[in-house]
C-alpha atoms as a PDB file:
ATOM      1  CA  UNK A   1       9.740  -2.048  -5.136  1.00  0.00           C
ATOM      2  CA  UNK A   2       8.060  -1.520  -1.809  1.00  0.00           C
ATOM      3  CA  UNK A   3       8.506   1.251   0.739  1.00  0.00           C
ATOM      4  CA  UNK A   4      10.748  -0.838   3.000  1.00  0.00           C
ATOM      5  CA  UNK A   5      12.950  -2.121   0.161  1.00  0.00           C
ATOM      6  CA  UNK A   6      13.474   1.371  -1.278  1.00  0.00           C
ATOM      7  CA  UNK A   7      14.906   2.632   1.998  1.00  0.00           C
ATOM      8  CA  UNK A   8      16.581  -0.438   3.523  1.00  0.00           C
ATOM      9  CA  UNK A   9      19.432  -0.242   1.006  1.00  0.00           C
ATOM     10  CA  UNK A  10      20.191   3.279   2.234  1.00  0.00           C
ATOM     11  CA  UNK A  11      20.259   2.266   5.908  1.00  0.00           C
ATOM     12  CA  UNK A  12      17.324   4.567   6.600  1.00  0.00           C
ATOM     13  CA  UNK A  13      15.288   3.813   9.728  1.00  0.00           C
ATOM     14  CA  UNK A  14      11.704   2.970   8.775  1.00  0.00           C
ATOM     15  CA  UNK A  15       8.739   1.451  10.539  1.00  0.00           C
ATOM     16  CA  UNK A  16       4.978   1.180  10.243  1.00  0.00           C
ATOM     17  CA  UNK A  17       2.242   1.731  12.811  1.00  0.00           C
ATOM     18  CA  UNK A  18      -0.755  -0.473  12.004  1.00  0.00           C
ATOM     19  CA  UNK A  19      -4.086   1.034  13.091  1.00  0.00           C
ATOM     20  CA  UNK A  20      -6.532  -1.337  11.363  1.00  0.00           C
ATOM     21  CA  UNK A  21      -6.072  -5.071  10.767  1.00  0.00           C
ATOM     22  CA  UNK A  22      -9.319  -6.860  10.029  1.00  0.00           C
ATOM     23  CA  UNK A  23     -11.118  -9.235   7.690  1.00  0.00           C
ATOM     24  CA  UNK A  24     -14.060  -7.742   5.788  1.00  0.00           C
ATOM     25  CA  UNK A  25     -16.336  -8.836   2.958  1.00  0.00           C
ATOM     26  CA  UNK A  26     -15.563  -7.229  -0.392  1.00  0.00           C
ATOM     27  CA  UNK A  27     -18.325  -5.058  -1.784  1.00  0.00           C
ATOM     28  CA  UNK A  28     -18.872  -5.011  -5.557  1.00  0.00           C
ATOM     29  CA  UNK A  29     -16.394  -2.173  -6.173  1.00  0.00           C
ATOM     30  CA  UNK A  30     -13.620  -3.733  -4.088  1.00  0.00           C
ATOM     31  CA  UNK A  31     -14.286  -7.200  -5.528  1.00  0.00           C
ATOM     32  CA  UNK A  32     -13.853  -5.751  -9.030  1.00  0.00           C
ATOM     33  CA  UNK A  33     -10.540  -4.107  -8.059  1.00  0.00           C
ATOM     34  CA  UNK A  34      -9.213  -7.414  -6.658  1.00  0.00           C
ATOM     35  CA  UNK A  35     -10.773  -9.629  -9.386  1.00  0.00           C
ATOM     36  CA  UNK A  36     -12.836 -11.430  -6.724  1.00  0.00           C
ATOM     37  CA  UNK A  37     -16.503 -12.190  -6.184  1.00  0.00           C
ATOM     38  CA  UNK A  38     -18.615  -9.846  -4.065  1.00  0.00           C
ATOM     39  CA  UNK A  39     -18.650 -10.957  -0.414  1.00  0.00           C
ATOM     40  CA  UNK A  40     -15.285 -12.753  -0.733  1.00  0.00           C
ATOM     41  CA  UNK A  41     -13.261 -12.088   2.396  1.00  0.00           C
ATOM     42  CA  UNK A  42     -10.299  -9.728   2.243  1.00  0.00           C
ATOM     43  CA  UNK A  43      -7.775  -8.311   4.654  1.00  0.00           C
ATOM     44  CA  UNK A  44      -8.271  -4.595   5.292  1.00  0.00           C
ATOM     45  CA  UNK A  45      -5.191  -2.894   6.714  1.00  0.00           C
ATOM     46  CA  UNK A  46      -4.385   0.728   7.508  1.00  0.00           C
ATOM     47  CA  UNK A  47      -0.918   1.805   8.511  1.00  0.00           C
ATOM     48  CA  UNK A  48       1.225   4.906   8.772  1.00  0.00           C
ATOM     49  CA  UNK A  49       4.727   4.547   7.312  1.00  0.00           C
ATOM     50  CA  UNK A  50       7.600   6.412   8.975  1.00  0.00           C
ATOM     51  CA  UNK A  51      11.026   7.521   7.764  1.00  0.00           C
ATOM     52  CA  UNK A  52      13.398   8.531  10.571  1.00  0.00           C
ATOM     53  CA  UNK A  53      10.445   8.706  12.997  1.00  0.00           C
ATOM     54  CA  UNK A  54       8.536  11.118  10.725  1.00  0.00           C
ATOM     55  CA  UNK A  55       5.163  10.024   9.295  1.00  0.00           C
ATOM     56  CA  UNK A  56       5.291  10.263   5.487  1.00  0.00           C
ATOM     57  CA  UNK A  57       2.649   7.866   4.148  1.00  0.00           C
ATOM     58  CA  UNK A  58      -0.830   6.724   5.133  1.00  0.00           C
ATOM     59  CA  UNK A  59      -1.671   3.428   3.442  1.00  0.00           C
ATOM     60  CA  UNK A  60      -4.980   1.613   3.232  1.00  0.00           C
ATOM     61  CA  UNK A  61      -4.717  -1.777   1.557  1.00  0.00           C
ATOM     62  CA  UNK A  62      -6.912  -4.770   0.820  1.00  0.00           C
ATOM     63  CA  UNK A  63      -5.562  -8.269   0.123  1.00  0.00           C
ATOM     64  CA  UNK A  64      -7.491 -11.502  -0.611  1.00  0.00           C
ATOM     65  CA  UNK A  65      -7.839 -13.624   2.531  1.00  0.00           C
ATOM     66  CA  UNK A  66      -7.790 -16.848   0.487  1.00  0.00           C
ATOM     67  CA  UNK A  67      -4.390 -15.891  -0.924  1.00  0.00           C
ATOM     68  CA  UNK A  68      -2.931 -14.817   2.444  1.00  0.00           C
ATOM     69  CA  UNK A  69      -4.662 -16.787   5.237  1.00  0.00           C
ATOM     70  CA  UNK A  70      -1.604 -16.483   7.504  1.00  0.00           C
ATOM     71  CA  UNK A  71      -1.054 -12.712   7.159  1.00  0.00           C
ATOM     72  CA  UNK A  72      -0.300 -11.132  10.544  1.00  0.00           C
ATOM     73  CA  UNK A  73      -0.246  -7.723  12.183  1.00  0.00           C
ATOM     74  CA  UNK A  74       3.521  -8.175  12.591  1.00  0.00           C
ATOM     75  CA  UNK A  75       3.994  -8.713   8.842  1.00  0.00           C
ATOM     76  CA  UNK A  76       2.174  -5.449   8.172  1.00  0.00           C
ATOM     77  CA  UNK A  77       4.415  -3.618  10.643  1.00  0.00           C
ATOM     78  CA  UNK A  78       7.288  -4.566   8.334  1.00  0.00           C
ATOM     79  CA  UNK A  79       7.313  -5.346   4.593  1.00  0.00           C
ATOM     80  CA  UNK A  80       4.323  -7.012   2.964  1.00  0.00           C
ATOM     81  CA  UNK A  81       6.381  -7.530  -0.203  1.00  0.00           C
ATOM     82  CA  UNK A  82       9.026  -9.451   1.768  1.00  0.00           C
ATOM     83  CA  UNK A  83       6.223 -11.625   3.165  1.00  0.00           C
ATOM     84  CA  UNK A  84       4.716 -12.199  -0.293  1.00  0.00           C
ATOM     85  CA  UNK A  85       7.998 -12.975  -2.048  1.00  0.00           C
ATOM     86  CA  UNK A  86      10.141 -14.595   0.645  1.00  0.00           C
ATOM     87  CA  UNK A  87       7.582 -16.307   2.894  1.00  0.00           C
ATOM     88  CA  UNK A  88       4.760 -17.078   0.441  1.00  0.00           C
ATOM     89  CA  UNK A  89       7.204 -17.631  -2.473  1.00  0.00           C
ATOM     90  CA  UNK A  90       4.955 -15.711  -4.865  1.00  0.00           C
ATOM     91  CA  UNK A  91       6.410 -13.777  -7.790  1.00  0.00           C
ATOM     92  CA  UNK A  92       5.316 -10.154  -8.041  1.00  0.00           C
ATOM     93  CA  UNK A  93       5.071  -8.991 -11.642  1.00  0.00           C
ATOM     94  CA  UNK A  94       3.906  -5.389 -11.564  1.00  0.00           C
ATOM     95  CA  UNK A  95       1.911  -2.629  -9.972  1.00  0.00           C
ATOM     96  CA  UNK A  96      -0.524  -0.461 -11.908  1.00  0.00           C
ATOM     97  CA  UNK A  97      -0.624   2.963 -10.277  1.00  0.00           C
ATOM     98  CA  UNK A  98      -2.506   6.220 -10.623  1.00  0.00           C
ATOM     99  CA  UNK A  99      -1.275   9.434  -8.972  1.00  0.00           C
ATOM    100  CA  UNK A 100      -3.864  12.110  -8.258  1.00  0.00           C
ATOM    101  CA  UNK A 101      -3.600  15.418  -6.379  1.00  0.00           C
ATOM    102  CA  UNK A 102      -6.240  15.543  -3.624  1.00  0.00           C
ATOM    103  CA  UNK A 103      -7.064  17.623  -0.597  1.00  0.00           C
ATOM    104  CA  UNK A 104      -6.106  15.719   2.559  1.00  0.00           C
ATOM    105  CA  UNK A 105      -8.780  13.964   4.590  1.00  0.00           C
ATOM    106  CA  UNK A 106      -9.100  14.634   8.315  1.00  0.00           C
ATOM    107  CA  UNK A 107      -7.505  11.219   8.912  1.00  0.00           C
ATOM    108  CA  UNK A 108      -4.497  12.070   6.707  1.00  0.00           C
ATOM    109  CA  UNK A 109      -4.123  15.515   8.319  1.00  0.00           C
ATOM    110  CA  UNK A 110      -3.964  13.919  11.766  1.00  0.00           C
ATOM    111  CA  UNK A 111      -1.742  10.967  10.792  1.00  0.00           C
ATOM    112  CA  UNK A 112       0.798  12.911   8.726  1.00  0.00           C
ATOM    113  CA  UNK A 113       0.633  16.364  10.378  1.00  0.00           C
ATOM    114  CA  UNK A 114      -0.478  17.941   7.102  1.00  0.00           C
ATOM    115  CA  UNK A 115      -1.563  21.461   6.247  1.00  0.00           C
ATOM    116  CA  UNK A 116      -5.315  21.064   5.590  1.00  0.00           C
ATOM    117  CA  UNK A 117      -5.205  23.736   2.877  1.00  0.00           C
ATOM    118  CA  UNK A 118      -2.383  22.128   0.863  1.00  0.00           C
ATOM    119  CA  UNK A 119      -3.046  19.435  -1.776  1.00  0.00           C
ATOM    120  CA  UNK A 120      -1.241  16.107  -1.418  1.00  0.00           C
ATOM    121  CA  UNK A 121      -0.640  13.142  -3.706  1.00  0.00           C
ATOM    122  CA  UNK A 122      -2.778  10.033  -3.560  1.00  0.00           C
ATOM    123  CA  UNK A 123      -1.522   6.855  -5.238  1.00  0.00           C
ATOM    124  CA  UNK A 124      -4.125   4.227  -6.068  1.00  0.00           C
ATOM    125  CA  UNK A 125      -2.585   0.923  -7.107  1.00  0.00           C
ATOM    126  CA  UNK A 126      -3.232  -2.715  -7.869  1.00  0.00           C
ATOM    127  CA  UNK A 127      -0.464  -5.282  -7.514  1.00  0.00           C
ATOM    128  CA  UNK A 128      -0.285  -8.290  -9.833  1.00  0.00           C
ATOM    129  CA  UNK A 129       1.519 -11.603  -9.468  1.00  0.00           C
ATOM    130  CA  UNK A 130       3.366 -13.250 -12.365  1.00  0.00           C
ATOM    131  CA  UNK A 131       0.394 -15.630 -12.792  1.00  0.00           C
ATOM    132  CA  UNK A 132      -1.924 -12.648 -13.374  1.00  0.00           C
ATOM    133  CA  UNK A 133      -3.730 -12.677 -10.012  1.00  0.00           C
ATOM    134  CA  UNK A 134      -4.325  -9.369  -8.248  1.00  0.00           C
ATOM    135  CA  UNK A 135      -2.741  -9.602  -4.790  1.00  0.00           C
ATOM    136  CA  UNK A 136      -3.483  -6.107  -3.468  1.00  0.00           C
ATOM    137  CA  UNK A 137      -5.469  -2.960  -3.969  1.00  0.00           C
ATOM    138  CA  UNK A 138      -4.072   0.048  -2.111  1.00  0.00           C
ATOM    139  CA  UNK A 139      -4.707   3.729  -1.582  1.00  0.00           C
ATOM    140  CA  UNK A 140      -1.751   5.731  -0.303  1.00  0.00           C
ATOM    141  CA  UNK A 141      -1.485   9.403   0.552  1.00  0.00           C
ATOM    142  CA  UNK A 142       1.884  11.058   0.949  1.00  0.00           C
ATOM    143  CA  UNK A 143       3.272  14.065   2.723  1.00  0.00           C
ATOM    144  CA  UNK A 144       4.550  15.732  -0.431  1.00  0.00           C
ATOM    145  CA  UNK A 145       7.086  17.775   1.560  1.00  0.00           C
ATOM    146  CA  UNK A 146       8.885  14.561   2.527  1.00  0.00           C
ATOM    147  CA  UNK A 147       8.233  12.130  -0.303  1.00  0.00           C
ATOM    148  CA  UNK A 148       9.018  12.381  -3.989  1.00  0.00           C
ATOM    149  CA  UNK A 149       8.228  10.229  -6.992  1.00  0.00           C
ATOM    150  CA  UNK A 150      10.516   9.664  -9.940  1.00  0.00           C
ATOM    151  CA  UNK A 151       8.691   8.366 -12.997  1.00  0.00           C
ATOM    152  CA  UNK A 152      10.438   6.769 -15.951  1.00  0.00           C
ATOM    153  CA  UNK A 153       8.624   6.241 -19.237  1.00  0.00           C
ATOM    154  CA  UNK A 154      10.308   3.886 -21.680  1.00  0.00           C
ATOM    155  CA  UNK A 155       9.393   3.857 -25.337  1.00  0.00           C
ATOM    156  CA  UNK A 156       8.526   0.406 -26.675  1.00  0.00           C
ATOM    157  CA  UNK A 157      10.576  -0.705 -29.652  1.00  0.00           C
END
């Protein structure tokens, strides 16, 4: 479930301010994360996510250009998952995520009005389609005063 979908059901006002929207060539590390070849073109997007006009999340994401040639700035101001599922008719299967406490970067401090001395959570994730393709690689940092995670671990039978 994406940011927008989690909050839309609760009638919570959300929006995103996009600061970077560009096509770049994937270096070896990024190509490996997206299961692409080095120098393949990818979308690089940075945006700040807001809940009730308060910045709570700074997201940096990369998506394969070949998979999303018609991606727009306007899509990224809203829900990329809505675009992927409803417009592109792709089936999202899962997201593999890693949560790590980090000290905030200068960019995160400015974007989210963070205390520079207080650790925050960074979520690094890769999104997979039902057909196994990686559709995104993202790094998100959160204002931990305003955002919480609930993790559920289910035992396999």
